[in-house]
Amino acid sequence: MKVAFVGKGGSGKTTTSSLFIRHLVAEGLPVVAIDADINQHLGAALGLSDEAVASVPALGAHLDVIKEYLRGENPRIPSAAQMVKTTPPGRGSRLLRIGDDDPVHAFSRRLGDVTFMAAGQFDDKDLGVSCYHGKTGAVELYLNHLVDGPGEYVVVDMTAGADTFASGLFTRFDMMFLVVEPTRKGVAVYQQYTDHARDYGVNISVVGNKVQTADDETFLRDQVGDDLLTCMGHQSAIRAMEQGFPFNLDALDDAARQVLRRLQEEVDAQPKDWEKFSRQAVEFHIKNAESWGNRSVGVDLSQQIDPDFAMGPGALTVA
């Protein structure tokens, strides 16, 4: 399952996503963790050293290699230069599986029990000349070509705020957890997200964070209704983790561990809708082609769409 954690800056989405990743690892499940936030802090939240995080190659810095591998022998994509972040796979494309040894996963690092990937930093050479979507585009290509199987998880810490919706990346997930604080600003972000996602069938559940009292939970419930899945209260162990002290899940109380179990239950309850996944990939590819892609690349990118191809386990043989 493909899972995203989103929310406004400071809501605790990175911390919450790291706790969920740790929970899945503790359950013995295969997990790919991807830092797709412009502020790259997921590695630190997972307890990785600065040296370990620095050893992870930035996906956004290797787009040419990623594109060249993924296009494979797809006759609709004659060169990597004509492949954009929304280009969907088709017959002849190379698809990805979690745990495979391929040139795309070569940009990941096995750090402890987690396979870790990162979109990359927004650095000095990008200032004034590019946007962060160029880096998250590598994540979009990865998810577009990944056939994840039962009991496999990709957890992505997304960029903060409504910028998540600046591309079709938000439709690549089976489950999106919106981390919300019990404040008016936090609820405003919820309203923004649900307005954007409503027409695309995106599964959004709200995770209340920094919920200190019953009144806090009541406030969130009044504002978001049944979309409120669960709430994380204050945990001194989490604060210590955020301050850089050693941490493991055993330091959490039973209520916090139940929150993480509830998140997994919600993810596992979602149906795997490969038809929608494929249809929306085509939809957003056409939107991007008409908006900027055709002009930028100099060809009609809609010709890259293979009408007889659909993603899913069966595509592994077809591709």
C-alpha atoms as a PDB file:
ATOM      1  CA  MET A   1       0.000   0.000   0.000  1.00  0.00           C
ATOM      2  CA  LYS A   2       1.144   3.527  -0.791  1.00  0.00           C
ATOM      3  CA  VAL A   3       0.649   5.893   2.166  1.00  0.00           C
ATOM      4  CA  ALA A   4       1.201   9.663   2.442  1.00  0.00           C
ATOM      5  CA  PHE A   5       1.453  11.837   5.525  1.00  0.00           C
ATOM      6  CA  VAL A   6       0.476  15.453   4.907  1.00  0.00           C
ATOM      7  CA  GLY A   7      -0.317  18.540   6.943  1.00  0.00           C
ATOM      8  CA  LYS A   8       0.671  22.112   7.573  1.00  0.00           C
ATOM      9  CA  GLY A   9       4.176  22.942   8.681  1.00  0.00           C
ATOM     10  CA  GLY A  10       4.681  22.237  12.369  1.00  0.00           C
ATOM     11  CA  SER A  11       1.688  19.893  12.656  1.00  0.00           C
ATOM     12  CA  GLY A  12       3.940  16.927  13.410  1.00  0.00           C
ATOM     13  CA  LYS A  13       3.447  15.009  10.169  1.00  0.00           C
ATOM     14  CA  THR A  14       7.121  14.029   9.914  1.00  0.00           C
ATOM     15  CA  THR A  15       7.192  12.772  13.499  1.00  0.00           C
ATOM     16  CA  THR A  16       3.901  10.912  13.036  1.00  0.00           C
ATOM     17  CA  SER A  17       5.010   9.322   9.772  1.00  0.00           C
ATOM     18  CA  SER A  18       8.279   8.204  11.369  1.00  0.00           C
ATOM     19  CA  LEU A  19       6.390   6.579  14.246  1.00  0.00           C
ATOM     20  CA  PHE A  20       4.157   4.739  11.785  1.00  0.00           C
ATOM     21  CA  ILE A  21       7.208   3.539   9.851  1.00  0.00           C
ATOM     22  CA  ARG A  22       8.798   2.301  13.077  1.00  0.00           C
ATOM     23  CA  HIS A  23       5.558   0.498  13.938  1.00  0.00           C
ATOM     24  CA  LEU A  24       5.441  -1.313  10.578  1.00  0.00           C
ATOM     25  CA  VAL A  25       9.084  -2.316  10.922  1.00  0.00           C
ATOM     26  CA  ALA A  26       8.407  -3.645  14.427  1.00  0.00           C
ATOM     27  CA  GLU A  27       5.632  -5.785  12.906  1.00  0.00           C
ATOM     28  CA  GLY A  28       8.217  -7.334  10.588  1.00  0.00           C
ATOM     29  CA  LEU A  29       6.710  -5.767   7.446  1.00  0.00           C
ATOM     30  CA  PRO A  30       8.670  -4.531   4.402  1.00  0.00           C
ATOM     31  CA  VAL A  31       8.698  -0.725   4.326  1.00  0.00           C
ATOM     32  CA  VAL A  32      10.072   1.861   1.933  1.00  0.00           C
ATOM     33  CA  ALA A  33      10.266   5.271   3.615  1.00  0.00           C
ATOM     34  CA  ILE A  34      10.496   8.286   1.304  1.00  0.00           C
ATOM     35  CA  ASP A  35      11.301  11.824   2.384  1.00  0.00           C
ATOM     36  CA  ALA A  36       9.511  14.052  -0.139  1.00  0.00           C
ATOM     37  CA  ASP A  37       9.392  17.178   2.021  1.00  0.00           C
ATOM     38  CA  ILE A  38      11.305  20.277   1.007  1.00  0.00           C
ATOM     39  CA  ASN A  39      12.646  20.202   4.569  1.00  0.00           C
ATOM     40  CA  GLN A  40      14.318  16.800   4.711  1.00  0.00           C
ATOM     41  CA  HIS A  41      13.879  15.652   8.324  1.00  0.00           C
ATOM     42  CA  LEU A  42      12.387  12.157   8.042  1.00  0.00           C
ATOM     43  CA  GLY A  43      15.756  10.432   8.380  1.00  0.00           C
ATOM     44  CA  ALA A  44      16.508  12.219  11.622  1.00  0.00           C
ATOM     45  CA  ALA A  45      13.005  11.397  12.920  1.00  0.00           C
ATOM     46  CA  LEU A  46      13.731   7.737  12.224  1.00  0.00           C
ATOM     47  CA  GLY A  47      16.830   7.978  14.376  1.00  0.00           C
ATOM     48  CA  LEU A  48      19.275   7.845  11.485  1.00  0.00           C
ATOM     49  CA  SER A  49      22.605   9.608  11.827  1.00  0.00           C
ATOM     50  CA  ASP A  50      23.477  12.622   9.702  1.00  0.00           C
ATOM     51  CA  GLU A  51      26.111  10.485   7.979  1.00  0.00           C
ATOM     52  CA  ALA A  52      23.587   7.766   7.143  1.00  0.00           C
ATOM     53  CA  VAL A  53      21.095  10.252   5.730  1.00  0.00           C
ATOM     54  CA  ALA A  54      23.816  11.977   3.715  1.00  0.00           C
ATOM     55  CA  SER A  55      24.718   8.626   2.151  1.00  0.00           C
ATOM     56  CA  VAL A  56      21.300   8.387   0.489  1.00  0.00           C
ATOM     57  CA  PRO A  57      21.444   9.618  -3.130  1.00  0.00           C
ATOM     58  CA  ALA A  58      18.797  12.220  -3.983  1.00  0.00           C
ATOM     59  CA  LEU A  59      16.230  10.818  -6.422  1.00  0.00           C
ATOM     60  CA  GLY A  60      15.730  14.273  -7.903  1.00  0.00           C
ATOM     61  CA  ALA A  61      19.410  14.450  -8.862  1.00  0.00           C
ATOM     62  CA  HIS A  62      19.215  11.257 -10.917  1.00  0.00           C
ATOM     63  CA  LEU A  63      16.106  11.792 -13.017  1.00  0.00           C
ATOM     64  CA  ASP A  64      17.863  10.965 -16.284  1.00  0.00           C
ATOM     65  CA  VAL A  65      18.983   7.557 -15.002  1.00  0.00           C
ATOM     66  CA  ILE A  66      15.558   6.832 -13.522  1.00  0.00           C
ATOM     67  CA  LYS A  67      13.754   7.778 -16.734  1.00  0.00           C
ATOM     68  CA  GLU A  68      16.127   5.797 -18.945  1.00  0.00           C
ATOM     69  CA  TYR A  69      15.576   2.652 -16.901  1.00  0.00           C
ATOM     70  CA  LEU A  70      11.808   2.997 -16.511  1.00  0.00           C
ATOM     71  CA  ARG A  71      11.084   3.653 -20.191  1.00  0.00           C
ATOM     72  CA  GLY A  72      12.710   0.327 -21.041  1.00  0.00           C
ATOM     73  CA  GLU A  73      11.637  -0.741 -24.526  1.00  0.00           C
ATOM     74  CA  ASN A  74       8.354   1.160 -24.530  1.00  0.00           C
ATOM     75  CA  PRO A  75       8.016   2.250 -28.187  1.00  0.00           C
ATOM     76  CA  ARG A  76       5.880   5.226 -27.165  1.00  0.00           C
ATOM     77  CA  ILE A  77       8.829   6.789 -25.297  1.00  0.00           C
ATOM     78  CA  PRO A  78      11.744   7.007 -27.753  1.00  0.00           C
ATOM     79  CA  SER A  79      14.095   8.775 -25.307  1.00  0.00           C
ATOM     80  CA  ALA A  80      14.444   9.710 -21.655  1.00  0.00           C
ATOM     81  CA  ALA A  81      14.423  13.369 -22.742  1.00  0.00           C
ATOM     82  CA  GLN A  82      10.780  12.935 -23.822  1.00  0.00           C
ATOM     83  CA  MET A  83       9.736  11.434 -20.494  1.00  0.00           C
ATOM     84  CA  VAL A  84       8.194  13.704 -17.864  1.00  0.00           C
ATOM     85  CA  LYS A  85       7.209  13.125 -14.243  1.00  0.00           C
ATOM     86  CA  THR A  86       3.664  12.083 -15.188  1.00  0.00           C
ATOM     87  CA  THR A  87       4.574   9.722 -18.044  1.00  0.00           C
ATOM     88  CA  PRO A  88       2.625   6.530 -17.289  1.00  0.00           C
ATOM     89  CA  PRO A  89       4.043   3.056 -17.898  1.00  0.00           C
ATOM     90  CA  GLY A  90       2.978   0.991 -20.871  1.00  0.00           C
ATOM     91  CA  ARG A  91       3.942  -2.182 -22.672  1.00  0.00           C
ATOM     92  CA  GLY A  92       7.726  -2.353 -22.758  1.00  0.00           C
ATOM     93  CA  SER A  93       8.172  -0.159 -19.666  1.00  0.00           C
ATOM     94  CA  ARG A  94      10.135  -1.477 -16.724  1.00  0.00           C
ATOM     95  CA  LEU A  95       8.076  -1.803 -13.555  1.00  0.00           C
ATOM     96  CA  LEU A  96       9.349  -1.825  -9.985  1.00  0.00           C
ATOM     97  CA  ARG A  97       8.836  -4.147  -7.037  1.00  0.00           C
ATOM     98  CA  ILE A  98       9.780  -3.483  -3.427  1.00  0.00           C
ATOM     99  CA  GLY A  99      12.999  -5.303  -2.626  1.00  0.00           C
ATOM    100  CA  ASP A 100      14.159  -5.629  -6.232  1.00  0.00           C
ATOM    101  CA  ASP A 101      17.750  -4.968  -7.218  1.00  0.00           C
ATOM    102  CA  ASP A 102      17.345  -2.388  -9.979  1.00  0.00           C
ATOM    103  CA  PRO A 103      18.890   0.988 -10.931  1.00  0.00           C
ATOM    104  CA  VAL A 104      16.046   2.932  -9.272  1.00  0.00           C
ATOM    105  CA  HIS A 105      16.243   1.163  -5.926  1.00  0.00           C
ATOM    106  CA  ALA A 106      20.013   1.592  -6.183  1.00  0.00           C
ATOM    107  CA  PHE A 107      19.306   5.163  -5.059  1.00  0.00           C
ATOM    108  CA  SER A 108      17.862   3.841  -1.800  1.00  0.00           C
ATOM    109  CA  ARG A 109      19.786   2.774   1.273  1.00  0.00           C
ATOM    110  CA  ARG A 110      18.986  -0.026   3.671  1.00  0.00           C
ATOM    111  CA  LEU A 111      19.329   1.748   6.991  1.00  0.00           C
ATOM    112  CA  GLY A 112      18.538  -0.611   9.827  1.00  0.00           C
ATOM    113  CA  ASP A 113      15.275  -2.336   8.901  1.00  0.00           C
ATOM    114  CA  VAL A 114      14.060   0.488   6.644  1.00  0.00           C
ATOM    115  CA  THR A 115      14.653   1.016   2.939  1.00  0.00           C
ATOM    116  CA  PHE A 116      15.104   4.788   2.825  1.00  0.00           C
ATOM    117  CA  MET A 117      14.779   7.091  -0.187  1.00  0.00           C
ATOM    118  CA  ALA A 118      14.834  10.872  -0.453  1.00  0.00           C
ATOM    119  CA  ALA A 119      13.654  13.324  -3.099  1.00  0.00           C
ATOM    120  CA  GLY A 120      16.595  15.553  -2.223  1.00  0.00           C
ATOM    121  CA  GLN A 121      17.342  18.939  -0.758  1.00  0.00           C
ATOM    122  CA  PHE A 122      16.296  22.244  -2.296  1.00  0.00           C
ATOM    123  CA  ASP A 123      19.781  23.753  -2.487  1.00  0.00           C
ATOM    124  CA  ASP A 124      21.510  26.966  -3.580  1.00  0.00           C
ATOM    125  CA  LYS A 125      21.670  26.131  -7.289  1.00  0.00           C
ATOM    126  CA  ASP A 126      17.867  25.763  -7.331  1.00  0.00           C
ATOM    127  CA  LEU A 127      17.185  29.217  -5.894  1.00  0.00           C
ATOM    128  CA  GLY A 128      15.359  31.461  -8.332  1.00  0.00           C
ATOM    129  CA  VAL A 129      15.471  28.980 -11.214  1.00  0.00           C
ATOM    130  CA  SER A 130      13.425  25.912 -10.274  1.00  0.00           C
ATOM    131  CA  CYS A 131      10.730  24.605  -7.949  1.00  0.00           C
ATOM    132  CA  TYR A 132      10.689  21.609  -5.654  1.00  0.00           C
ATOM    133  CA  HIS A 133       8.320  19.726  -7.965  1.00  0.00           C
ATOM    134  CA  GLY A 134      11.329  18.821 -10.087  1.00  0.00           C
ATOM    135  CA  LYS A 135      12.533  16.674  -7.211  1.00  0.00           C
ATOM    136  CA  THR A 136       9.175  15.243  -6.156  1.00  0.00           C
ATOM    137  CA  GLY A 137       8.696  14.351  -9.831  1.00  0.00           C
ATOM    138  CA  ALA A 138      11.162  11.522  -9.263  1.00  0.00           C
ATOM    139  CA  VAL A 139       8.936  10.227  -6.459  1.00  0.00           C
ATOM    140  CA  GLU A 140       5.913  10.441  -8.762  1.00  0.00           C
ATOM    141  CA  LEU A 141       7.696   8.381 -11.430  1.00  0.00           C
ATOM    142  CA  TYR A 142       8.689   5.834  -8.800  1.00  0.00           C
ATOM    143  CA  LEU A 143       5.132   5.428  -7.523  1.00  0.00           C
ATOM    144  CA  ASN A 144       3.685   5.372 -11.056  1.00  0.00           C
ATOM    145  CA  HIS A 145       5.878   2.380 -11.924  1.00  0.00           C
ATOM    146  CA  LEU A 146       5.734   0.519  -8.596  1.00  0.00           C
ATOM    147  CA  VAL A 147       3.608  -2.623  -8.253  1.00  0.00           C
ATOM    148  CA  ASP A 148       3.291  -3.043  -4.494  1.00  0.00           C
ATOM    149  CA  GLY A 149       1.965  -6.317  -3.206  1.00  0.00           C
ATOM    150  CA  PRO A 150       0.034  -7.429  -0.103  1.00  0.00           C
ATOM    151  CA  GLY A 151       1.798  -6.607   3.142  1.00  0.00           C
ATOM    152  CA  GLU A 152       4.178  -4.134   1.488  1.00  0.00           C
ATOM    153  CA  TYR A 153       4.198  -0.460   2.419  1.00  0.00           C
ATOM    154  CA  VAL A 154       5.574   2.726   0.926  1.00  0.00           C
ATOM    155  CA  VAL A 155       5.281   5.611   3.391  1.00  0.00           C
ATOM    156  CA  VAL A 156       5.937   9.110   2.056  1.00  0.00           C
ATOM    157  CA  ASP A 157       6.456  12.196   4.179  1.00  0.00           C
ATOM    158  CA  MET A 158       5.055  14.845   1.834  1.00  0.00           C
ATOM    159  CA  THR A 159       5.848  18.528   1.571  1.00  0.00           C
ATOM    160  CA  ALA A 160       3.884  20.717   3.969  1.00  0.00           C
ATOM    161  CA  GLY A 161       0.692  22.583   3.153  1.00  0.00           C
ATOM    162  CA  ALA A 162      -1.521  22.518   0.075  1.00  0.00           C
ATOM    163  CA  ASP A 163       1.538  22.334  -2.197  1.00  0.00           C
ATOM    164  CA  THR A 164       0.858  18.587  -2.109  1.00  0.00           C
ATOM    165  CA  PHE A 165      -1.824  19.274  -4.721  1.00  0.00           C
ATOM    166  CA  ALA A 166       0.432  21.118  -7.158  1.00  0.00           C
ATOM    167  CA  SER A 167       0.830  17.895  -9.156  1.00  0.00           C
ATOM    168  CA  GLY A 168      -0.981  14.596  -9.585  1.00  0.00           C
ATOM    169  CA  LEU A 169       1.255  13.041  -6.933  1.00  0.00           C
ATOM    170  CA  PHE A 170      -1.590  13.237  -4.414  1.00  0.00           C
ATOM    171  CA  THR A 171      -3.560  10.632  -6.420  1.00  0.00           C
ATOM    172  CA  ARG A 172      -0.759   8.048  -6.227  1.00  0.00           C
ATOM    173  CA  PHE A 173      -1.656   6.950  -2.697  1.00  0.00           C
ATOM    174  CA  ASP A 174      -4.040   4.333  -1.357  1.00  0.00           C
ATOM    175  CA  MET A 175      -4.287   6.275   1.915  1.00  0.00           C
ATOM    176  CA  MET A 176      -3.518   9.845   2.916  1.00  0.00           C
ATOM    177  CA  PHE A 177      -3.196  10.750   6.583  1.00  0.00           C
ATOM    178  CA  LEU A 178      -3.733  14.434   7.302  1.00  0.00           C
ATOM    179  CA  VAL A 179      -2.073  15.378  10.587  1.00  0.00           C
ATOM    180  CA  VAL A 180      -4.059  18.184  12.213  1.00  0.00           C
ATOM    181  CA  GLU A 181      -3.578  20.149  15.411  1.00  0.00           C
ATOM    182  CA  PRO A 182      -6.672  21.171  17.427  1.00  0.00           C
ATOM    183  CA  THR A 183      -6.507  24.784  16.252  1.00  0.00           C
ATOM    184  CA  ARG A 184      -8.382  26.945  13.766  1.00  0.00           C
ATOM    185  CA  LYS A 185      -5.333  26.988  11.482  1.00  0.00           C
ATOM    186  CA  GLY A 186      -5.094  23.216  11.606  1.00  0.00           C
ATOM    187  CA  VAL A 187      -8.743  22.800  10.698  1.00  0.00           C
ATOM    188  CA  ALA A 188      -8.397  25.309   7.849  1.00  0.00           C
ATOM    189  CA  VAL A 189      -5.808  23.016   6.266  1.00  0.00           C
ATOM    190  CA  TYR A 190      -8.258  20.109   6.585  1.00  0.00           C
ATOM    191  CA  GLN A 191     -10.911  22.075   4.718  1.00  0.00           C
ATOM    192  CA  GLN A 192      -8.398  22.974   2.019  1.00  0.00           C
ATOM    193  CA  TYR A 193      -7.330  19.359   1.549  1.00  0.00           C
ATOM    194  CA  THR A 194     -10.803  17.911   1.406  1.00  0.00           C
ATOM    195  CA  ASP A 195     -11.919  20.554  -1.084  1.00  0.00           C
ATOM    196  CA  HIS A 196      -9.036  19.673  -3.415  1.00  0.00           C
ATOM    197  CA  ALA A 197      -9.298  15.901  -3.012  1.00  0.00           C
ATOM    198  CA  ARG A 198     -13.076  15.470  -3.131  1.00  0.00           C
ATOM    199  CA  ASP A 199     -13.367  15.024  -6.896  1.00  0.00           C
ATOM    200  CA  TYR A 200     -10.553  12.466  -7.099  1.00  0.00           C
ATOM    201  CA  GLY A 201     -11.672   9.840  -4.624  1.00  0.00           C
ATOM    202  CA  VAL A 202      -8.609  10.303  -2.430  1.00  0.00           C
ATOM    203  CA  ASN A 203      -8.937   8.462   0.874  1.00  0.00           C
ATOM    204  CA  ILE A 204      -8.159  11.013   3.612  1.00  0.00           C
ATOM    205  CA  SER A 205      -8.271  10.331   7.322  1.00  0.00           C
ATOM    206  CA  VAL A 206      -7.432  12.927   9.957  1.00  0.00           C
ATOM    207  CA  VAL A 207      -4.929  12.164  12.690  1.00  0.00           C
ATOM    208  CA  GLY A 208      -5.270  14.610  15.552  1.00  0.00           C
ATOM    209  CA  ASN A 209      -1.878  15.529  16.966  1.00  0.00           C
ATOM    210  CA  LYS A 210      -0.813  17.397  20.082  1.00  0.00           C
ATOM    211  CA  VAL A 211      -4.225  16.624  21.547  1.00  0.00           C
ATOM    212  CA  GLN A 212      -3.924  17.408  25.249  1.00  0.00           C
ATOM    213  CA  THR A 213      -7.475  17.290  26.581  1.00  0.00           C
ATOM    214  CA  ALA A 214     -10.927  15.886  25.889  1.00  0.00           C
ATOM    215  CA  ASP A 215     -11.902  19.395  24.778  1.00  0.00           C
ATOM    216  CA  ASP A 216      -9.180  19.281  22.123  1.00  0.00           C
ATOM    217  CA  GLU A 217     -10.583  16.056  20.735  1.00  0.00           C
ATOM    218  CA  THR A 218     -14.123  17.404  20.872  1.00  0.00           C
ATOM    219  CA  PHE A 219     -13.006  20.490  18.948  1.00  0.00           C
ATOM    220  CA  LEU A 220     -11.521  18.351  16.197  1.00  0.00           C
ATOM    221  CA  ARG A 221     -14.534  16.061  16.091  1.00  0.00           C
ATOM    222  CA  ASP A 222     -16.866  19.050  15.756  1.00  0.00           C
ATOM    223  CA  GLN A 223     -14.785  20.408  12.876  1.00  0.00           C
ATOM    224  CA  VAL A 224     -13.931  17.314  10.845  1.00  0.00           C
ATOM    225  CA  GLY A 225     -16.617  14.837  11.924  1.00  0.00           C
ATOM    226  CA  ASP A 226     -16.116  11.189  11.053  1.00  0.00           C
ATOM    227  CA  ASP A 227     -12.913  11.974   9.147  1.00  0.00           C
ATOM    228  CA  LEU A 228     -11.165  12.082  12.539  1.00  0.00           C
ATOM    229  CA  LEU A 229      -9.634   8.635  12.770  1.00  0.00           C
ATOM    230  CA  THR A 230      -7.605   8.864  15.959  1.00  0.00           C
ATOM    231  CA  CYS A 231      -5.675  11.276  18.172  1.00  0.00           C
ATOM    232  CA  MET A 232      -2.125  11.304  19.488  1.00  0.00           C
ATOM    233  CA  GLY A 233      -1.747  12.909  22.890  1.00  0.00           C
ATOM    234  CA  HIS A 234       1.342  14.228  24.593  1.00  0.00           C
ATOM    235  CA  GLN A 235       4.173  11.735  24.884  1.00  0.00           C
ATOM    236  CA  SER A 236       7.331  12.736  26.723  1.00  0.00           C
ATOM    237  CA  ALA A 237       9.206  10.050  24.801  1.00  0.00           C
ATOM    238  CA  ILE A 238       8.264  11.694  21.501  1.00  0.00           C
ATOM    239  CA  ARG A 239       9.439  15.088  22.715  1.00  0.00           C
ATOM    240  CA  ALA A 240      12.732  13.497  23.783  1.00  0.00           C
ATOM    241  CA  MET A 241      13.011  11.875  20.337  1.00  0.00           C
ATOM    242  CA  GLU A 242      12.480  15.241  18.663  1.00  0.00           C
ATOM    243  CA  GLN A 243      15.265  16.617  20.842  1.00  0.00           C
ATOM    244  CA  GLY A 244      17.628  13.972  19.514  1.00  0.00           C
ATOM    245  CA  PHE A 245      17.620  11.463  22.358  1.00  0.00           C
ATOM    246  CA  PRO A 246      17.565   7.709  21.647  1.00  0.00           C
ATOM    247  CA  PHE A 247      14.073   6.331  21.137  1.00  0.00           C
ATOM    248  CA  ASN A 248      12.207   3.093  20.602  1.00  0.00           C
ATOM    249  CA  LEU A 249       8.525   2.286  20.440  1.00  0.00           C
ATOM    250  CA  ASP A 250       8.543   0.641  23.864  1.00  0.00           C
ATOM    251  CA  ALA A 251       8.852   4.137  25.331  1.00  0.00           C
ATOM    252  CA  LEU A 252       5.307   4.960  24.168  1.00  0.00           C
ATOM    253  CA  ASP A 253       2.303   4.284  26.370  1.00  0.00           C
ATOM    254  CA  ASP A 254      -0.484   1.898  25.368  1.00  0.00           C
ATOM    255  CA  ALA A 255      -2.693   4.691  24.007  1.00  0.00           C
ATOM    256  CA  ALA A 256       0.007   5.864  21.601  1.00  0.00           C
ATOM    257  CA  ARG A 257       0.754   2.318  20.439  1.00  0.00           C
ATOM    258  CA  GLN A 258      -2.975   1.860  19.804  1.00  0.00           C
ATOM    259  CA  VAL A 259      -2.937   4.966  17.609  1.00  0.00           C
ATOM    260  CA  LEU A 260      -0.247   3.391  15.418  1.00  0.00           C
ATOM    261  CA  ARG A 261      -2.161   0.124  15.239  1.00  0.00           C
ATOM    262  CA  ARG A 262      -5.278   2.061  14.231  1.00  0.00           C
ATOM    263  CA  LEU A 263      -3.376   3.708  11.388  1.00  0.00           C
ATOM    264  CA  GLN A 264      -2.268   0.318  10.081  1.00  0.00           C
ATOM    265  CA  GLU A 265      -5.801  -1.054  10.328  1.00  0.00           C
ATOM    266  CA  GLU A 266      -7.083   1.885   8.280  1.00  0.00           C
ATOM    267  CA  VAL A 267      -4.456   1.356   5.610  1.00  0.00           C
ATOM    268  CA  ASP A 268      -5.038  -2.385   5.429  1.00  0.00           C
ATOM    269  CA  ALA A 269      -8.794  -1.851   5.096  1.00  0.00           C
ATOM    270  CA  GLN A 270      -8.420   0.130   1.871  1.00  0.00           C
ATOM    271  CA  PRO A 271      -9.148  -1.733  -1.358  1.00  0.00           C
ATOM    272  CA  LYS A 272      -6.350  -1.761  -3.901  1.00  0.00           C
ATOM    273  CA  ASP A 273      -7.903   0.053  -6.866  1.00  0.00           C
ATOM    274  CA  TRP A 274      -5.494  -0.377  -9.753  1.00  0.00           C
ATOM    275  CA  GLU A 275      -8.118   0.738 -12.276  1.00  0.00           C
ATOM    276  CA  LYS A 276      -8.440   4.144 -10.604  1.00  0.00           C
ATOM    277  CA  PHE A 277      -4.681   4.360 -10.190  1.00  0.00           C
ATOM    278  CA  SER A 278      -4.164   3.832 -13.932  1.00  0.00           C
ATOM    279  CA  ARG A 279      -7.025   6.109 -14.989  1.00  0.00           C
ATOM    280  CA  GLN A 280      -5.835   9.017 -12.870  1.00  0.00           C
ATOM    281  CA  ALA A 281      -2.264   8.588 -14.075  1.00  0.00           C
ATOM    282  CA  VAL A 282      -3.530   9.117 -17.623  1.00  0.00           C
ATOM    283  CA  GLU A 283      -5.769  12.009 -16.571  1.00  0.00           C
ATOM    284  CA  PHE A 284      -2.974  13.962 -14.925  1.00  0.00           C
ATOM    285  CA  HIS A 285      -0.510  13.150 -17.681  1.00  0.00           C
ATOM    286  CA  ILE A 286      -2.878  14.746 -20.201  1.00  0.00           C
ATOM    287  CA  LYS A 287      -3.363  17.781 -17.924  1.00  0.00           C
ATOM    288  CA  ASN A 288       0.366  18.279 -17.562  1.00  0.00           C
ATOM    289  CA  ALA A 289       0.971  17.703 -21.259  1.00  0.00           C
ATOM    290  CA  GLU A 290      -1.528  20.382 -22.236  1.00  0.00           C
ATOM    291  CA  SER A 291      -0.422  22.799 -19.513  1.00  0.00           C
ATOM    292  CA  TRP A 292       3.358  22.727 -19.988  1.00  0.00           C
ATOM    293  CA  GLY A 293       4.711  19.346 -21.087  1.00  0.00           C
ATOM    294  CA  ASN A 294       4.062  19.469 -24.843  1.00  0.00           C
ATOM    295  CA  ARG A 295       5.573  22.931 -25.047  1.00  0.00           C
ATOM    296  CA  SER A 296       8.584  22.001 -22.923  1.00  0.00           C
ATOM    297  CA  VAL A 297       9.437  18.695 -24.606  1.00  0.00           C
ATOM    298  CA  GLY A 298       8.351  19.617 -28.129  1.00  0.00           C
ATOM    299  CA  VAL A 299       6.188  16.553 -28.773  1.00  0.00           C
ATOM    300  CA  ASP A 300       2.601  15.514 -28.135  1.00  0.00           C
ATOM    301  CA  LEU A 301       2.982  13.695 -24.819  1.00  0.00           C
ATOM    302  CA  SER A 302      -0.515  12.231 -25.028  1.00  0.00           C
ATOM    303  CA  GLN A 303       0.950   9.767 -27.548  1.00  0.00           C
ATOM    304  CA  GLN A 304       2.833   8.169 -24.640  1.00  0.00           C
ATOM    305  CA  ILE A 305      -0.417   6.753 -23.272  1.00  0.00           C
ATOM    306  CA  ASP A 306      -0.862   3.050 -23.961  1.00  0.00           C
ATOM    307  CA  PRO A 307      -4.667   2.549 -24.068  1.00  0.00           C
ATOM    308  CA  ASP A 308      -4.373  -1.214 -23.644  1.00  0.00           C
ATOM    309  CA  PHE A 309      -2.190  -1.118 -20.523  1.00  0.00           C
ATOM    310  CA  ALA A 310      -3.276  -1.008 -16.889  1.00  0.00           C
ATOM    311  CA  MET A 311      -1.136  -1.123 -13.771  1.00  0.00           C
ATOM    312  CA  GLY A 312      -1.396  -3.972 -11.305  1.00  0.00           C
ATOM    313  CA  PRO A 313       0.122  -7.411 -10.700  1.00  0.00           C
ATOM    314  CA  GLY A 314      -0.886  -8.547 -14.173  1.00  0.00           C
ATOM    315  CA  ALA A 315       1.119  -5.701 -15.682  1.00  0.00           C
ATOM    316  CA  LEU A 316       4.368  -7.302 -14.526  1.00  0.00           C
ATOM    317  CA  THR A 317       4.019  -9.863 -17.298  1.00  0.00           C
ATOM    318  CA  VAL A 318       2.595  -7.511 -19.907  1.00  0.00           C
ATOM    319  CA  ALA A 319       5.265  -4.826 -19.408  1.00  0.00           C
END
